[in-house]
Amino acid sequence: MTGQTAAIIQAVLTHWTAYLTAYEHLLKCKHTLNAIISKEFAKPEEKQEIIIGDKRVKEKANEMIWIIRDPLF
């Protein structure tokens, strides 16, 4: 209407930004995740609720817990 060209910039969720958003969310939840894990390990093994299932599932859970508890996380 004014004789000038205007551009509309539309944000597009890309694969990279999806990963970035996921990492940002994990970092926000870091202290909560550590608290949950610490509380879980304080329970006797038979009452634990996080590391359950078959061998493969338990290995994956332990791998994720190791990552969460890593100081460089």
N, C-alpha and C. Protein backbone atom coordinates (compact mmCIF):
# COMPACT_ATOMS: atom_id res chain seq x y z
N MET A 1 0.81 -1.19 0.00
CA MET A 1 0.00 0.00 0.00
C MET A 1 0.86 1.26 0.00
N THR A 2 2.07 1.18 0.54
CA THR A 2 2.93 2.35 0.61
C THR A 2 3.91 2.41 -0.55
N GLY A 3 3.90 1.39 -1.38
CA GLY A 3 4.84 1.35 -2.49
C GLY A 3 6.18 0.74 -2.12
N GLN A 4 6.34 0.30 -0.88
CA GLN A 4 7.58 -0.34 -0.44
C GLN A 4 7.36 -1.84 -0.33
N THR A 5 8.44 -2.58 -0.60
CA THR A 5 8.37 -4.03 -0.50
C THR A 5 8.60 -4.44 0.94
N ALA A 6 7.79 -5.34 1.42
CA ALA A 6 7.93 -5.84 2.78
C ALA A 6 8.16 -7.35 2.72
N ALA A 7 8.89 -7.85 3.67
CA ALA A 7 9.14 -9.28 3.75
C ALA A 7 8.59 -9.80 5.07
N ILE A 8 8.06 -10.98 5.02
CA ILE A 8 7.57 -11.62 6.23
C ILE A 8 8.52 -12.76 6.54
N ILE A 9 9.08 -12.71 7.72
CA ILE A 9 9.99 -13.77 8.15
C ILE A 9 9.20 -14.71 9.04
N GLN A 10 9.17 -15.97 8.63
CA GLN A 10 8.44 -16.97 9.38
C GLN A 10 9.44 -17.95 9.98
N ALA A 11 9.34 -18.13 11.27
CA ALA A 11 10.22 -19.10 11.93
C ALA A 11 9.84 -20.50 11.51
N VAL A 12 10.82 -21.29 11.14
CA VAL A 12 10.58 -22.67 10.72
C VAL A 12 11.37 -23.58 11.66
N LEU A 13 10.66 -24.51 12.25
CA LEU A 13 11.31 -25.45 13.13
C LEU A 13 12.11 -26.45 12.29
N THR A 14 13.42 -26.42 12.45
CA THR A 14 14.28 -27.34 11.72
C THR A 14 14.76 -28.44 12.65
N HIS A 15 15.43 -29.40 12.09
CA HIS A 15 15.98 -30.49 12.88
C HIS A 15 16.93 -29.94 13.94
N TRP A 16 17.76 -28.98 13.55
CA TRP A 16 18.74 -28.40 14.47
C TRP A 16 18.04 -27.66 15.61
N THR A 17 17.05 -26.84 15.30
CA THR A 17 16.38 -26.09 16.36
C THR A 17 15.57 -27.02 17.27
N ALA A 18 15.10 -28.12 16.75
CA ALA A 18 14.40 -29.09 17.59
C ALA A 18 15.37 -29.67 18.62
N TYR A 19 16.60 -30.01 18.19
CA TYR A 19 17.60 -30.50 19.12
C TYR A 19 17.98 -29.43 20.14
N LEU A 20 18.16 -28.20 19.67
CA LEU A 20 18.51 -27.10 20.56
C LEU A 20 17.43 -26.91 21.63
N THR A 21 16.20 -26.93 21.23
CA THR A 21 15.10 -26.77 22.18
C THR A 21 15.08 -27.91 23.19
N ALA A 22 15.32 -29.12 22.73
CA ALA A 22 15.34 -30.27 23.63
C ALA A 22 16.48 -30.13 24.64
N TYR A 23 17.67 -29.74 24.20
CA TYR A 23 18.80 -29.55 25.11
C TYR A 23 18.53 -28.43 26.10
N GLU A 24 17.95 -27.33 25.65
CA GLU A 24 17.63 -26.23 26.56
C GLU A 24 16.66 -26.71 27.64
N HIS A 25 15.68 -27.50 27.24
CA HIS A 25 14.71 -28.03 28.21
C HIS A 25 15.41 -28.95 29.21
N LEU A 26 16.29 -29.81 28.74
CA LEU A 26 17.02 -30.70 29.64
C LEU A 26 17.86 -29.92 30.64
N LEU A 27 18.51 -28.87 30.18
CA LEU A 27 19.33 -28.07 31.08
C LEU A 27 18.47 -27.39 32.14
N LYS A 28 17.27 -26.97 31.79
CA LYS A 28 16.36 -26.37 32.77
C LYS A 28 15.92 -27.40 33.81
N CYS A 29 15.85 -28.66 33.40
CA CYS A 29 15.37 -29.73 34.28
C CYS A 29 16.49 -30.46 35.02
N LYS A 30 17.73 -30.06 34.79
CA LYS A 30 18.89 -30.79 35.31
C LYS A 30 18.80 -31.03 36.82
N HIS A 31 18.52 -30.00 37.60
CA HIS A 31 18.50 -30.15 39.05
C HIS A 31 17.35 -31.05 39.50
N THR A 32 16.23 -30.94 38.85
CA THR A 32 15.09 -31.80 39.17
C THR A 32 15.42 -33.26 38.86
N LEU A 33 16.02 -33.50 37.68
CA LEU A 33 16.39 -34.87 37.31
C LEU A 33 17.39 -35.46 38.30
N ASN A 34 18.37 -34.66 38.73
CA ASN A 34 19.35 -35.14 39.71
C ASN A 34 18.67 -35.46 41.04
N ALA A 35 17.72 -34.64 41.45
CA ALA A 35 16.99 -34.89 42.71
C ALA A 35 16.20 -36.19 42.62
N ILE A 36 15.54 -36.41 41.49
CA ILE A 36 14.76 -37.64 41.30
C ILE A 36 15.67 -38.87 41.36
N ILE A 37 16.82 -38.78 40.70
CA ILE A 37 17.76 -39.91 40.67
C ILE A 37 18.33 -40.16 42.06
N SER A 38 18.69 -39.11 42.78
CA SER A 38 19.23 -39.28 44.14
C SER A 38 18.20 -39.92 45.05
N LYS A 39 16.95 -39.48 44.93
CA LYS A 39 15.87 -40.06 45.74
C LYS A 39 15.67 -41.53 45.39
N GLU A 40 15.76 -41.84 44.12
CA GLU A 40 15.58 -43.23 43.66
C GLU A 40 16.69 -44.13 44.21
N PHE A 41 17.94 -43.67 44.17
CA PHE A 41 19.05 -44.49 44.65
C PHE A 41 19.05 -44.63 46.18
N ALA A 42 18.32 -43.77 46.87
CA ALA A 42 18.22 -43.88 48.32
C ALA A 42 17.28 -45.02 48.72
N LYS A 43 16.44 -45.46 47.79
CA LYS A 43 15.50 -46.55 48.06
C LYS A 43 16.21 -47.90 47.94
N PRO A 44 15.69 -48.92 48.64
CA PRO A 44 16.22 -50.27 48.41
C PRO A 44 15.96 -50.68 46.94
N GLU A 45 16.82 -51.50 46.40
CA GLU A 45 16.74 -51.86 44.98
C GLU A 45 15.37 -52.43 44.59
N GLU A 46 14.76 -53.21 45.46
CA GLU A 46 13.47 -53.82 45.11
C GLU A 46 12.32 -52.80 45.09
N LYS A 47 12.54 -51.62 45.63
CA LYS A 47 11.50 -50.58 45.64
C LYS A 47 11.76 -49.49 44.60
N GLN A 48 12.85 -49.60 43.85
CA GLN A 48 13.16 -48.59 42.83
C GLN A 48 12.17 -48.67 41.68
N GLU A 49 11.86 -47.51 41.10
CA GLU A 49 10.84 -47.44 40.06
C GLU A 49 11.39 -46.96 38.72
N ILE A 50 12.63 -46.49 38.69
CA ILE A 50 13.17 -45.95 37.44
C ILE A 50 13.88 -47.02 36.62
N ILE A 51 14.73 -47.79 37.28
CA ILE A 51 15.52 -48.79 36.55
C ILE A 51 14.80 -50.14 36.67
N ILE A 52 13.81 -50.33 35.80
CA ILE A 52 13.05 -51.57 35.79
C ILE A 52 12.92 -52.06 34.35
N GLY A 53 12.59 -53.30 34.19
CA GLY A 53 12.41 -53.85 32.86
C GLY A 53 13.45 -54.90 32.55
N ASP A 54 13.56 -55.24 31.26
CA ASP A 54 14.54 -56.26 30.87
C ASP A 54 15.95 -55.66 30.87
N LYS A 55 16.92 -56.50 30.57
CA LYS A 55 18.33 -56.11 30.64
C LYS A 55 18.63 -54.90 29.76
N ARG A 56 18.11 -54.90 28.54
CA ARG A 56 18.38 -53.81 27.60
C ARG A 56 17.83 -52.48 28.11
N VAL A 57 16.64 -52.52 28.67
CA VAL A 57 16.00 -51.31 29.19
C VAL A 57 16.77 -50.79 30.41
N LYS A 58 17.21 -51.69 31.27
CA LYS A 58 17.99 -51.29 32.44
C LYS A 58 19.32 -50.67 32.03
N GLU A 59 19.97 -51.24 31.02
CA GLU A 59 21.23 -50.68 30.53
C GLU A 59 21.03 -49.27 29.99
N LYS A 60 19.95 -49.07 29.26
CA LYS A 60 19.65 -47.74 28.70
C LYS A 60 19.36 -46.75 29.82
N ALA A 61 18.60 -47.17 30.82
CA ALA A 61 18.29 -46.30 31.96
C ALA A 61 19.57 -45.90 32.69
N ASN A 62 20.46 -46.87 32.91
CA ASN A 62 21.73 -46.57 33.58
C ASN A 62 22.59 -45.63 32.74
N GLU A 63 22.56 -45.78 31.44
CA GLU A 63 23.31 -44.89 30.55
C GLU A 63 22.78 -43.45 30.67
N MET A 64 21.47 -43.29 30.68
CA MET A 64 20.87 -41.96 30.80
C MET A 64 21.16 -41.35 32.17
N ILE A 65 21.11 -42.17 33.22
CA ILE A 65 21.43 -41.68 34.57
C ILE A 65 22.87 -41.22 34.64
N TRP A 66 23.78 -41.97 34.03
CA TRP A 66 25.20 -41.58 34.01
C TRP A 66 25.36 -40.21 33.34
N ILE A 67 24.67 -39.99 32.25
CA ILE A 67 24.74 -38.71 31.53
C ILE A 67 24.20 -37.58 32.40
N ILE A 68 23.06 -37.81 33.04
CA ILE A 68 22.45 -36.78 33.88
C ILE A 68 23.35 -36.42 35.06
N ARG A 69 23.99 -37.41 35.64
CA ARG A 69 24.83 -37.18 36.82
C ARG A 69 26.23 -36.66 36.47
N ASP A 70 26.59 -36.67 35.19
CA ASP A 70 27.89 -36.17 34.75
C ASP A 70 27.98 -34.67 35.01
N PRO A 71 29.03 -34.20 35.70
CA PRO A 71 29.17 -32.77 35.98
C PRO A 71 29.25 -31.91 34.72
N LEU A 72 29.64 -32.49 33.61
CA LEU A 72 29.73 -31.73 32.36
C LEU A 72 28.40 -31.66 31.62
N PHE A 73 27.38 -32.29 32.16
CA PHE A 73 26.04 -32.26 31.57
C PHE A 73 25.56 -30.82 31.57
